[in-house]
Amino acid sequence: MNKHLLLIALASLSMCLHADESIWYKDGDPLKTQIEAMPRIPEGYRGTSSPCAQLDLNKPLTLAEVADASLCNNPQTSEIWASVRVQAAQLGVAKSAYLPTVTDNVSSNLNVLSPESATRSNPSLNLSNSLVASYLLYDFGNRNANLENARQLLLSASASQSSVVQQILLLSTVAYYQVQANIAALNAAREAERAGEESYKAANARYRAGVATPADMLQAQTAFAQFTLARITNEGNLQIAYGNLVNVMGLPAQQKVELISATNDAPSTILEDVNALIEQAGTRRPDLVASEAQVKAAQANIDASKAATKPTIFVSVSNGLQDGTQLSSSNNSTLGLTVSIPIFAGYAPTYRIRAAEATADLRAAQRDRLRLQISLDVWNAYQNLRTALQSINATKVLLESAEQSYRVALGRYKAGVGNIIDTLNAQSALANARQQNIQAGLNSNIARATLAQAMGALDNAMIQSLPNATLPANN
């Protein structure tokens, strides 16, 4: 009976140790990898420390609210967060190599003897238990190299998380301003359509009065129809822009949202020197930090591959217990030292080392290529911002001139001293000037965000400095 109770107890203990709610799972993070503390969104990218809340879609949204919703709801945020936690768990695996391993093997068998034995009952029950503990004493740095590799890969994953977050912020910023630009473009198209209708009515009135040719009326009617078509196209573009915006925010494309009224307060100059910006980007870009960590991880992998070809030394302690029906019990304990010496493995270690060295060269080349690309990104974004800011001032002058030219041309035509061609040309020039002014404002806002992202500085503080990031003070 005692043997049966022992067997049941051991079986129950084994099941308990492997259950989902056992002590091995409840501890969470016993090796201090910080896996449970990995933030879903790194600090500094959200405007509030509170958890992501349900966005109120019944009120106009600011850029800051759109950016915050994008970080909270975009699946890419969850995807990269999961990747970081995976790598943190791999760090725990690497740390576990510094701890001993303990294994308990319990076995039991039921024997039926034929013919029966005079010294044993039939059937007979045998029970054996083997408890083995082992510890790796020395491995020529293999554990250290694997641990360093895991640490660097975790650093790379964390930096990649910041890079993805900045990409989401840039996407949400671009989508937000694209909607604002399309709203302005639609308003401009409606204004152009209204002006086209006015020109058509003027030409039609002159035609009916007998002081204009049918060609004047038909040309004005054609221009009016073209402006109507442009307005319809802009309405479709606006809906597409809304769909892109809510998609970045992690919402279904058909979700209706409203944005606050647009303002344009772009700075007139850029104070920073482009050389200083490129230098800052070299230290702040998270993807470059991730790439540098990948290089160090590859170098650690070389050390691990080389150490794997060298001997390992283990110390082990074991206890074996055997018990059988009507047989004397045995209980043996041993203490052992094991030296494992690799002799020949078909040249596989040689090629593993060569692969690790080539991987390190690959990672270094990728880092150098990225460093060059970063300088180009900053340079292009800087020049685009300069162009956009200068274009804003130029398009303002162009718009004022076009408005005056149209008013004069329309007035002359209505007075009977101008012709329809001059009026329609002035009207078309005005419509183009409005669109160019809108595009310059859009380019300015996007270029500012793109430059910040190219520098690795697109965070909540930068978002707050952009137009329409917060509600106006009088609200």
Protein backbone atom coordinates (compact mmCIF):
# COMPACT_ATOMS: atom_id res chain seq x y z
CA MET A 1 0.00 0.00 0.00
CA ASN A 2 2.86 2.40 0.82
CA LYS A 3 4.37 1.85 -2.61
CA HIS A 4 1.09 2.63 -4.29
CA LEU A 5 0.73 5.81 -2.26
CA LEU A 6 4.27 6.83 -3.16
CA LEU A 7 3.59 6.27 -6.84
CA ILE A 8 0.40 8.33 -6.73
CA ALA A 9 2.16 11.13 -4.85
CA LEU A 10 5.02 11.24 -7.33
CA ALA A 11 2.63 11.24 -10.28
CA SER A 12 0.60 14.05 -8.72
CA LEU A 13 3.74 16.06 -8.05
CA SER A 14 4.88 15.62 -11.65
CA MET A 15 1.51 16.81 -12.97
CA CYS A 16 1.57 19.79 -10.64
CA LEU A 17 5.02 20.82 -11.77
CA HIS A 18 3.93 20.89 -15.40
CA ALA A 19 0.51 22.46 -14.95
CA ASP A 20 -0.14 25.91 -16.35
CA GLU A 21 -0.68 27.30 -12.85
CA SER A 22 2.42 25.76 -11.29
CA ILE A 23 5.11 27.75 -9.48
CA TRP A 24 7.24 27.79 -12.63
CA TYR A 25 4.70 29.97 -14.40
CA LYS A 26 3.37 32.14 -11.57
CA ASP A 27 6.70 33.83 -10.87
CA GLY A 28 6.46 35.73 -14.14
CA ASP A 29 9.99 37.05 -14.58
CA PRO A 30 12.35 35.26 -12.17
CA LEU A 31 15.48 36.14 -14.21
CA LYS A 32 14.71 39.89 -14.32
CA THR A 33 14.42 40.28 -18.09
CA GLN A 34 11.75 42.98 -17.56
CA ILE A 35 9.54 41.12 -20.03
CA GLU A 36 6.39 42.11 -18.15
CA ALA A 37 7.49 45.75 -17.92
CA MET A 38 8.09 46.23 -21.64
CA PRO A 39 5.92 49.25 -22.54
CA ARG A 40 3.47 48.87 -25.39
CA ILE A 41 4.37 52.43 -26.42
CA PRO A 42 7.79 53.79 -25.32
CA GLU A 43 7.85 56.81 -23.06
CA GLY A 44 7.69 60.21 -24.70
CA TYR A 45 5.55 59.31 -27.69
CA ARG A 46 2.14 59.77 -26.11
CA GLY A 47 0.83 62.99 -24.62
CA THR A 48 -0.52 61.27 -21.51
CA SER A 49 0.66 58.54 -19.20
CA SER A 50 -2.86 57.15 -18.81
CA PRO A 51 -3.83 53.94 -20.61
CA CYS A 52 -5.23 54.13 -24.10
CA ALA A 53 -8.85 55.18 -23.82
CA GLN A 54 -11.75 55.02 -26.22
CA LEU A 55 -11.55 57.98 -28.57
CA ASP A 56 -14.56 60.30 -28.67
CA LEU A 57 -15.42 60.38 -32.36
CA ASN A 58 -18.39 62.69 -31.85
CA LYS A 59 -16.20 65.80 -31.62
CA PRO A 60 -13.60 67.31 -33.96
CA LEU A 61 -10.19 65.73 -33.50
CA THR A 62 -6.84 67.47 -33.17
CA LEU A 63 -3.59 66.17 -34.62
CA ALA A 64 -2.43 65.13 -31.14
CA GLU A 65 -5.59 63.06 -30.64
CA VAL A 66 -5.21 61.42 -34.03
CA ALA A 67 -1.55 60.59 -33.30
CA ASP A 68 -2.40 59.18 -29.87
CA ALA A 69 -5.22 57.04 -31.28
CA SER A 70 -2.90 55.75 -33.99
CA LEU A 71 -0.32 54.65 -31.45
CA CYS A 72 -2.96 52.97 -29.32
CA ASN A 73 -4.96 51.23 -32.03
CA ASN A 74 -2.67 50.60 -34.99
CA PRO A 75 -1.86 46.86 -35.19
CA GLN A 76 1.79 47.63 -35.98
CA THR A 77 2.18 48.89 -32.41
CA SER A 78 1.01 45.56 -30.97
CA GLU A 79 3.09 43.65 -33.49
CA ILE A 80 6.39 45.31 -32.63
CA TRP A 81 5.56 45.20 -28.90
CA ALA A 82 5.12 41.43 -29.17
CA SER A 83 8.47 41.19 -30.96
CA VAL A 84 10.20 43.02 -28.11
CA ARG A 85 8.66 40.70 -25.53
CA VAL A 86 9.73 37.69 -27.57
CA GLN A 87 13.31 38.90 -27.52
CA ALA A 88 13.09 39.62 -23.78
CA ALA A 89 12.04 36.02 -23.30
CA GLN A 90 15.06 34.91 -25.36
CA LEU A 91 17.22 36.90 -22.96
CA GLY A 92 15.70 34.85 -20.15
CA VAL A 93 16.58 31.66 -22.03
CA ALA A 94 20.20 32.84 -22.31
CA LYS A 95 20.33 33.69 -18.60
CA SER A 96 18.95 30.28 -17.66
CA ALA A 97 22.20 28.67 -18.88
CA TYR A 98 23.87 29.99 -15.70
CA LEU A 99 21.52 27.99 -13.46
CA PRO A 100 21.64 24.26 -12.68
CA THR A 101 19.15 21.86 -14.19
CA VAL A 102 17.24 19.34 -12.07
CA THR A 103 15.42 16.39 -13.60
CA ASP A 104 13.36 13.77 -11.81
CA ASN A 105 12.49 10.61 -13.73
CA VAL A 106 9.84 8.36 -12.20
CA SER A 107 8.92 5.03 -13.76
CA SER A 108 6.79 2.08 -12.77
CA ASN A 109 6.01 -1.25 -14.39
CA LEU A 110 3.74 -4.17 -13.65
CA ASN A 111 5.23 -7.62 -14.27
CA VAL A 112 3.36 -10.89 -14.75
CA LEU A 113 5.66 -13.92 -14.42
CA SER A 114 5.04 -17.18 -16.16
CA PRO A 115 5.87 -19.52 -14.62
CA GLU A 116 5.42 -17.88 -11.25
CA SER A 117 8.41 -17.21 -9.03
CA ALA A 118 8.54 -18.58 -5.55
CA THR A 119 10.20 -15.41 -4.22
CA ARG A 120 7.97 -12.79 -5.86
CA SER A 121 4.28 -12.19 -5.93
CA ASN A 122 2.56 -12.45 -9.27
CA PRO A 123 1.82 -9.91 -10.65
CA SER A 124 4.62 -7.74 -9.22
CA LEU A 125 5.08 -3.97 -9.19
CA ASN A 126 8.44 -2.25 -9.66
CA LEU A 127 9.07 1.42 -8.92
CA SER A 128 12.18 3.46 -9.77
CA ASN A 129 13.04 7.12 -9.25
CA SER A 130 16.10 8.94 -10.56
CA LEU A 131 16.85 12.53 -9.48
CA VAL A 132 19.69 14.24 -11.38
CA ALA A 133 21.07 17.76 -10.90
CA SER A 134 23.77 19.13 -13.21
CA TYR A 135 25.59 22.43 -13.58
CA LEU A 136 27.83 23.75 -16.33
CA LEU A 137 31.10 24.80 -14.72
CA TYR A 138 33.00 26.11 -17.75
CA ASP A 139 32.44 26.35 -21.50
CA PHE A 140 35.13 28.77 -22.72
CA GLY A 141 32.72 31.72 -22.89
CA ASN A 142 29.86 30.16 -24.87
CA ARG A 143 27.24 31.20 -22.29
CA ASN A 144 28.65 34.70 -22.05
CA ALA A 145 28.59 35.13 -25.82
CA ASN A 146 25.03 33.84 -26.09
CA LEU A 147 23.94 36.16 -23.29
CA GLU A 148 25.57 39.16 -24.99
CA ASN A 149 23.93 38.18 -28.26
CA ALA A 150 20.51 38.07 -26.58
CA ARG A 151 21.10 41.41 -24.84
CA GLN A 152 22.05 43.13 -28.08
CA LEU A 153 19.09 41.63 -29.93
CA LEU A 154 16.79 42.90 -27.19
CA LEU A 155 18.34 46.36 -27.53
CA SER A 156 17.83 46.13 -31.28
CA ALA A 157 14.20 45.11 -30.82
CA SER A 158 13.58 48.00 -28.42
CA ALA A 159 15.15 50.49 -30.84
CA SER A 160 13.10 49.01 -33.68
CA GLN A 161 10.00 49.55 -31.57
CA SER A 162 10.81 53.27 -31.32
CA SER A 163 11.45 53.36 -35.06
CA VAL A 164 8.07 51.78 -35.84
CA VAL A 165 6.32 54.16 -33.41
CA GLN A 166 7.89 57.14 -35.19
CA GLN A 167 6.79 55.73 -38.55
CA ILE A 168 3.23 55.47 -37.25
CA LEU A 169 3.41 59.05 -35.99
CA LEU A 170 4.62 60.20 -39.39
CA LEU A 171 1.90 58.23 -41.20
CA SER A 172 -0.80 59.66 -38.96
CA THR A 173 0.59 63.19 -39.37
CA VAL A 174 0.72 62.90 -43.16
CA ALA A 175 -2.78 61.40 -43.28
CA TYR A 176 -4.12 64.14 -40.99
CA TYR A 177 -2.72 66.98 -43.08
CA GLN A 178 -3.73 65.23 -46.29
CA VAL A 179 -7.34 65.34 -45.09
CA GLN A 180 -6.96 69.00 -44.16
CA ALA A 181 -5.46 69.75 -47.58
CA ASN A 182 -8.26 67.88 -49.34
CA ILE A 183 -10.85 69.81 -47.34
CA ALA A 184 -9.20 73.05 -48.42
CA ALA A 185 -8.92 71.80 -52.00
CA LEU A 186 -12.62 70.92 -52.03
CA ASN A 187 -13.52 74.37 -50.73
CA ALA A 188 -11.31 75.92 -53.40
CA ALA A 189 -12.95 73.74 -56.06
CA ARG A 190 -16.38 74.84 -54.89
CA GLU A 191 -15.27 78.46 -55.04
CA ALA A 192 -13.90 77.91 -58.55
CA GLU A 193 -17.17 76.25 -59.55
CA ARG A 194 -19.10 79.21 -58.19
CA ALA A 195 -16.86 81.59 -60.14
CA GLY A 196 -17.32 79.49 -63.25
CA GLU A 197 -21.05 79.62 -62.83
CA GLU A 198 -20.88 83.41 -62.47
CA SER A 199 -18.84 83.69 -65.67
CA TYR A 200 -21.26 81.43 -67.50
CA LYS A 201 -24.24 83.47 -66.34
CA ALA A 202 -22.53 86.67 -67.45
CA ALA A 203 -21.72 85.21 -70.88
CA ASN A 204 -25.22 83.81 -71.26
CA ALA A 205 -26.76 87.19 -70.33
CA ARG A 206 -24.59 88.98 -72.87
CA TYR A 207 -25.47 86.38 -75.50
CA ARG A 208 -29.21 86.79 -74.87
CA ALA A 209 -28.76 90.57 -75.04
CA GLY A 210 -27.15 90.13 -78.45
CA VAL A 211 -23.80 91.62 -77.48
CA ALA A 212 -21.83 88.32 -77.28
CA THR A 213 -21.32 85.42 -79.68
CA PRO A 214 -22.51 81.85 -79.07
CA ALA A 215 -18.83 80.91 -78.77
CA ASP A 216 -18.48 83.08 -75.66
CA MET A 217 -21.43 81.37 -73.99
CA LEU A 218 -20.23 77.85 -74.95
CA GLN A 219 -16.68 78.50 -73.77
CA ALA A 220 -17.96 79.74 -70.41
CA GLN A 221 -20.28 76.74 -70.16
CA THR A 222 -17.38 74.36 -70.88
CA ALA A 223 -15.23 75.98 -68.20
CA PHE A 224 -18.11 75.77 -65.74
CA ALA A 225 -18.52 72.04 -66.46
CA GLN A 226 -14.79 71.48 -65.97
CA PHE A 227 -14.91 73.19 -62.59
CA THR A 228 -17.89 71.03 -61.63
CA LEU A 229 -15.93 67.91 -62.60
CA ALA A 230 -12.95 69.12 -60.55
CA ARG A 231 -15.22 69.62 -57.54
CA ILE A 232 -16.61 66.06 -57.88
CA THR A 233 -13.05 64.68 -58.13
CA ASN A 234 -12.01 66.56 -55.01
CA GLU A 235 -15.00 65.17 -53.12
CA GLY A 236 -13.84 61.65 -53.97
CA ASN A 237 -10.24 62.45 -53.01
CA LEU A 238 -11.41 63.76 -49.66
CA GLN A 239 -13.25 60.54 -48.86
CA ILE A 240 -10.17 58.51 -49.80
CA ALA A 241 -8.06 60.71 -47.53
CA TYR A 242 -10.51 60.14 -44.68
CA GLY A 243 -10.28 56.39 -45.28
CA ASN A 244 -6.48 56.49 -45.13
CA LEU A 245 -6.60 58.52 -41.93
CA VAL A 246 -8.92 56.21 -39.99
CA ASN A 247 -6.98 53.21 -41.29
CA VAL A 248 -3.78 54.56 -39.73
CA MET A 249 -5.78 55.16 -36.54
CA GLY A 250 -6.66 51.47 -36.46
CA LEU A 251 -10.32 52.04 -37.34
CA PRO A 252 -12.43 50.62 -40.20
CA ALA A 253 -12.26 52.65 -43.41
CA GLN A 254 -15.96 53.57 -43.26
CA GLN A 255 -15.64 55.17 -39.80
CA LYS A 256 -16.73 58.82 -39.88
CA VAL A 257 -14.46 61.35 -38.17
CA GLU A 258 -14.29 65.11 -38.07
CA LEU A 259 -11.17 67.27 -37.73
CA ILE A 260 -10.78 70.72 -36.22
CA SER A 261 -10.63 73.65 -38.61
CA ALA A 262 -7.23 73.97 -40.24
CA THR A 263 -4.74 76.73 -39.57
CA ASN A 264 -1.40 77.38 -41.19
CA ASP A 265 1.27 78.88 -38.95
CA ALA A 266 4.39 77.50 -40.57
CA PRO A 267 7.61 79.28 -39.51
CA SER A 268 9.15 81.63 -42.03
CA THR A 269 12.71 80.36 -41.57
CA ILE A 270 14.67 77.30 -40.44
CA LEU A 271 17.05 78.13 -37.63
CA GLU A 272 18.98 74.84 -37.49
CA ASP A 273 22.02 74.15 -39.63
CA VAL A 274 21.61 71.08 -41.85
CA ASN A 275 25.07 69.74 -40.88
CA ALA A 276 24.08 69.83 -37.21
CA LEU A 277 20.81 68.07 -38.02
CA ILE A 278 22.63 65.26 -39.84
CA GLU A 279 24.99 64.88 -36.90
CA GLN A 280 22.07 64.70 -34.47
CA ALA A 281 20.37 62.08 -36.61
CA GLY A 282 23.47 59.89 -36.35
CA THR A 283 22.95 59.60 -32.61
CA ARG A 284 19.14 59.72 -32.39
CA ARG A 285 17.78 57.58 -35.19
CA PRO A 286 16.40 54.44 -33.50
CA ASP A 287 16.84 52.28 -36.60
CA LEU A 288 20.57 53.11 -36.57
CA VAL A 289 20.71 52.17 -32.89
CA ALA A 290 18.97 48.90 -33.78
CA SER A 291 21.42 48.26 -36.61
CA GLU A 292 24.42 48.92 -34.36
CA ALA A 293 23.01 46.44 -31.84
CA GLN A 294 22.60 43.90 -34.64
CA VAL A 295 26.31 44.29 -35.43
CA LYS A 296 27.28 43.67 -31.81
CA ALA A 297 24.92 40.68 -31.62
CA ALA A 298 26.54 39.19 -34.72
CA GLN A 299 30.00 39.69 -33.23
CA ALA A 300 28.87 37.93 -30.05
CA ASN A 301 27.54 35.10 -32.21
CA ILE A 302 31.03 34.64 -33.65
CA ASP A 303 32.40 34.18 -30.12
CA ALA A 304 29.61 31.73 -29.32
CA SER A 305 30.27 29.70 -32.47
CA LYS A 306 33.98 29.48 -31.67
CA ALA A 307 33.34 28.57 -28.03
CA ALA A 308 30.95 25.81 -29.11
CA THR A 309 33.93 23.96 -30.64
CA LYS A 310 35.73 23.78 -27.29
CA PRO A 311 35.24 21.43 -24.33
CA THR A 312 32.55 21.85 -21.69
CA ILE A 313 32.80 20.82 -18.05
CA PHE A 314 29.72 19.72 -16.07
CA VAL A 315 29.29 18.68 -12.47
CA SER A 316 26.33 16.45 -11.63
CA VAL A 317 24.67 14.91 -8.60
CA SER A 318 22.20 12.06 -8.87
CA ASN A 319 20.16 9.80 -6.65
CA GLY A 320 18.55 6.59 -7.84
CA LEU A 321 15.87 4.69 -5.95
CA GLN A 322 14.50 1.29 -6.93
CA ASP A 323 11.86 -0.71 -5.14
CA GLY A 324 10.06 -3.88 -6.16
CA THR A 325 7.57 -6.30 -4.67
CA GLN A 326 9.31 -8.68 -2.28
CA LEU A 327 12.70 -7.45 -3.41
CA SER A 328 15.18 -5.47 -1.37
CA SER A 329 15.23 -1.75 -2.10
CA SER A 330 18.29 0.06 -3.51
CA ASN A 331 19.24 3.71 -3.05
CA ASN A 332 22.34 5.00 -4.83
CA SER A 333 23.80 8.51 -4.84
CA THR A 334 26.59 9.70 -7.16
CA LEU A 335 28.69 12.83 -7.66
CA GLY A 336 30.30 13.18 -11.08
CA LEU A 337 32.40 15.48 -13.22
CA THR A 338 31.92 15.31 -16.98
CA VAL A 339 34.23 16.79 -19.59
CA SER A 340 32.80 16.82 -23.11
CA ILE A 341 35.44 17.29 -25.82
CA PRO A 342 34.30 17.84 -29.42
CA ILE A 343 36.65 15.95 -31.72
CA PHE A 344 35.13 15.89 -35.18
CA ALA A 345 31.72 16.99 -36.45
CA GLY A 346 32.17 16.84 -40.21
CA TYR A 347 33.56 20.41 -40.45
CA ALA A 348 30.15 21.79 -39.46
CA PRO A 349 31.68 24.03 -36.72
CA THR A 350 34.06 25.52 -39.29
CA TYR A 351 31.21 26.60 -41.52
CA ARG A 352 29.14 27.82 -38.58
CA ILE A 353 32.01 30.13 -37.64
CA ARG A 354 32.39 31.29 -41.23
CA ALA A 355 28.64 31.92 -41.45
CA ALA A 356 28.76 33.92 -38.20
CA GLU A 357 31.69 36.00 -39.49
CA ALA A 358 29.94 36.65 -42.80
CA THR A 359 26.78 37.63 -40.92
CA ALA A 360 28.76 40.12 -38.87
CA ASP A 361 30.17 41.62 -42.09
CA LEU A 362 26.65 41.77 -43.50
CA ARG A 363 25.29 43.56 -40.44
CA ALA A 364 28.19 46.04 -40.51
CA ALA A 365 27.57 46.80 -44.18
CA GLN A 366 23.86 47.27 -43.51
CA ARG A 367 24.67 49.67 -40.67
CA ASP A 368 27.02 51.70 -42.88
CA ARG A 369 24.44 51.80 -45.67
CA LEU A 370 21.79 52.97 -43.21
CA ARG A 371 24.10 55.69 -41.89
CA LEU A 372 24.52 57.03 -45.42
CA GLN A 373 20.78 56.79 -46.03
CA ILE A 374 20.06 58.73 -42.84
CA SER A 375 22.26 61.62 -43.98
CA LEU A 376 20.40 61.61 -47.30
CA ASP A 377 17.02 61.46 -45.55
CA VAL A 378 17.85 64.47 -43.39
CA TRP A 379 19.29 66.38 -46.35
CA ASN A 380 16.25 65.74 -48.55
CA ALA A 381 13.78 66.53 -45.76
CA TYR A 382 15.65 69.74 -44.92
CA GLN A 383 15.64 70.89 -48.55
CA ASN A 384 11.98 69.96 -48.96
CA LEU A 385 11.10 72.02 -45.90
CA ARG A 386 13.09 75.01 -47.16
CA THR A 387 11.35 74.77 -50.52
CA ALA A 388 7.93 74.41 -48.92
CA LEU A 389 8.40 77.42 -46.64
CA GLN A 390 9.59 79.59 -49.50
CA SER A 391 6.73 78.32 -51.65
CA ILE A 392 4.18 79.42 -49.05
CA ASN A 393 5.26 83.05 -49.36
CA ALA A 394 5.41 82.83 -53.15
CA THR A 395 1.96 81.25 -53.45
CA LYS A 396 0.46 83.89 -51.17
CA VAL A 397 1.66 86.60 -53.58
CA LEU A 398 0.48 84.51 -56.53
CA LEU A 399 -2.96 84.02 -54.98
CA GLU A 400 -3.44 87.72 -54.22
CA SER A 401 -2.41 88.65 -57.77
CA ALA A 402 -4.67 86.01 -59.31
CA GLU A 403 -7.67 87.16 -57.26
CA GLN A 404 -7.19 90.77 -58.37
CA SER A 405 -6.66 89.72 -61.99
CA TYR A 406 -9.87 87.70 -61.99
CA ARG A 407 -11.93 90.48 -60.45
CA VAL A 408 -10.65 92.93 -63.05
CA ALA A 409 -11.19 90.54 -65.97
CA LEU A 410 -14.73 89.65 -64.88
CA GLY A 411 -15.60 93.31 -64.29
CA ARG A 412 -14.31 94.30 -67.73
CA TYR A 413 -16.29 91.50 -69.36
CA LYS A 414 -19.51 92.42 -67.61
CA ALA A 415 -18.92 96.05 -68.63
CA GLY A 416 -18.54 94.99 -72.25
CA VAL A 417 -14.91 96.10 -72.63
CA GLY A 418 -13.26 92.68 -72.10
CA ASN A 419 -13.48 89.31 -73.80
CA ILE A 420 -14.45 85.89 -72.44
CA ILE A 421 -11.01 84.37 -73.11
CA ASP A 422 -9.29 86.80 -70.73
CA THR A 423 -11.96 86.16 -68.11
CA LEU A 424 -11.70 82.37 -68.32
CA ASN A 425 -7.90 82.48 -68.31
CA ALA A 426 -7.94 84.65 -65.19
CA GLN A 427 -10.46 82.32 -63.59
CA SER A 428 -8.32 79.26 -64.36
CA ALA A 429 -5.20 81.00 -63.04
CA LEU A 430 -7.03 81.80 -59.81
CA ALA A 431 -8.10 78.19 -59.35
CA ASN A 432 -4.52 77.01 -59.93
CA ALA A 433 -3.15 79.59 -57.50
CA ARG A 434 -5.50 78.37 -54.77
CA GLN A 435 -4.45 74.77 -55.31
CA GLN A 436 -0.76 75.71 -55.25
CA ASN A 437 -1.21 77.62 -52.02
CA ILE A 438 -2.97 74.65 -50.44
CA GLN A 439 -0.27 72.25 -51.66
CA ALA A 440 2.48 74.51 -50.29
CA GLY A 441 0.87 74.47 -46.86
CA LEU A 442 0.50 70.68 -47.00
CA ASN A 443 4.10 70.23 -48.10
CA SER A 444 5.30 72.48 -45.30
CA ASN A 445 3.54 70.54 -42.54
CA ILE A 446 4.53 67.15 -43.94
CA ALA A 447 8.14 68.27 -44.49
CA ARG A 448 8.45 69.40 -40.87
CA ALA A 449 7.23 66.03 -39.61
CA THR A 450 9.39 64.18 -42.13
CA LEU A 451 12.50 66.09 -41.05
CA ALA A 452 11.80 65.26 -37.41
CA GLN A 453 11.35 61.58 -38.29
CA ALA A 454 14.54 61.60 -40.37
CA MET A 455 16.37 62.94 -37.31
CA GLY A 456 14.76 60.39 -34.98
CA ALA A 457 13.03 63.21 -33.09
CA LEU A 458 9.40 62.69 -34.05
CA ASP A 459 7.79 62.35 -30.62
CA ASN A 460 4.87 63.85 -28.73
CA ALA A 461 6.69 67.15 -28.15
CA MET A 462 7.28 67.51 -31.89
CA ILE A 463 3.65 66.63 -32.67
CA GLN A 464 2.50 69.29 -30.22
CA SER A 465 4.51 71.93 -32.11
CA LEU A 466 2.76 71.26 -35.43
CA PRO A 467 -0.29 73.21 -36.64
CA ASN A 468 -3.69 71.88 -35.46
CA ALA A 469 -2.05 69.68 -32.85
CA THR A 470 -4.24 71.09 -30.08
CA LEU A 471 -7.45 73.04 -29.83
CA PRO A 472 -7.19 76.83 -30.27
CA ALA A 473 -6.89 78.86 -27.07
CA ASN A 474 -10.34 80.40 -27.51
CA ASN A 475 -11.90 76.95 -27.43
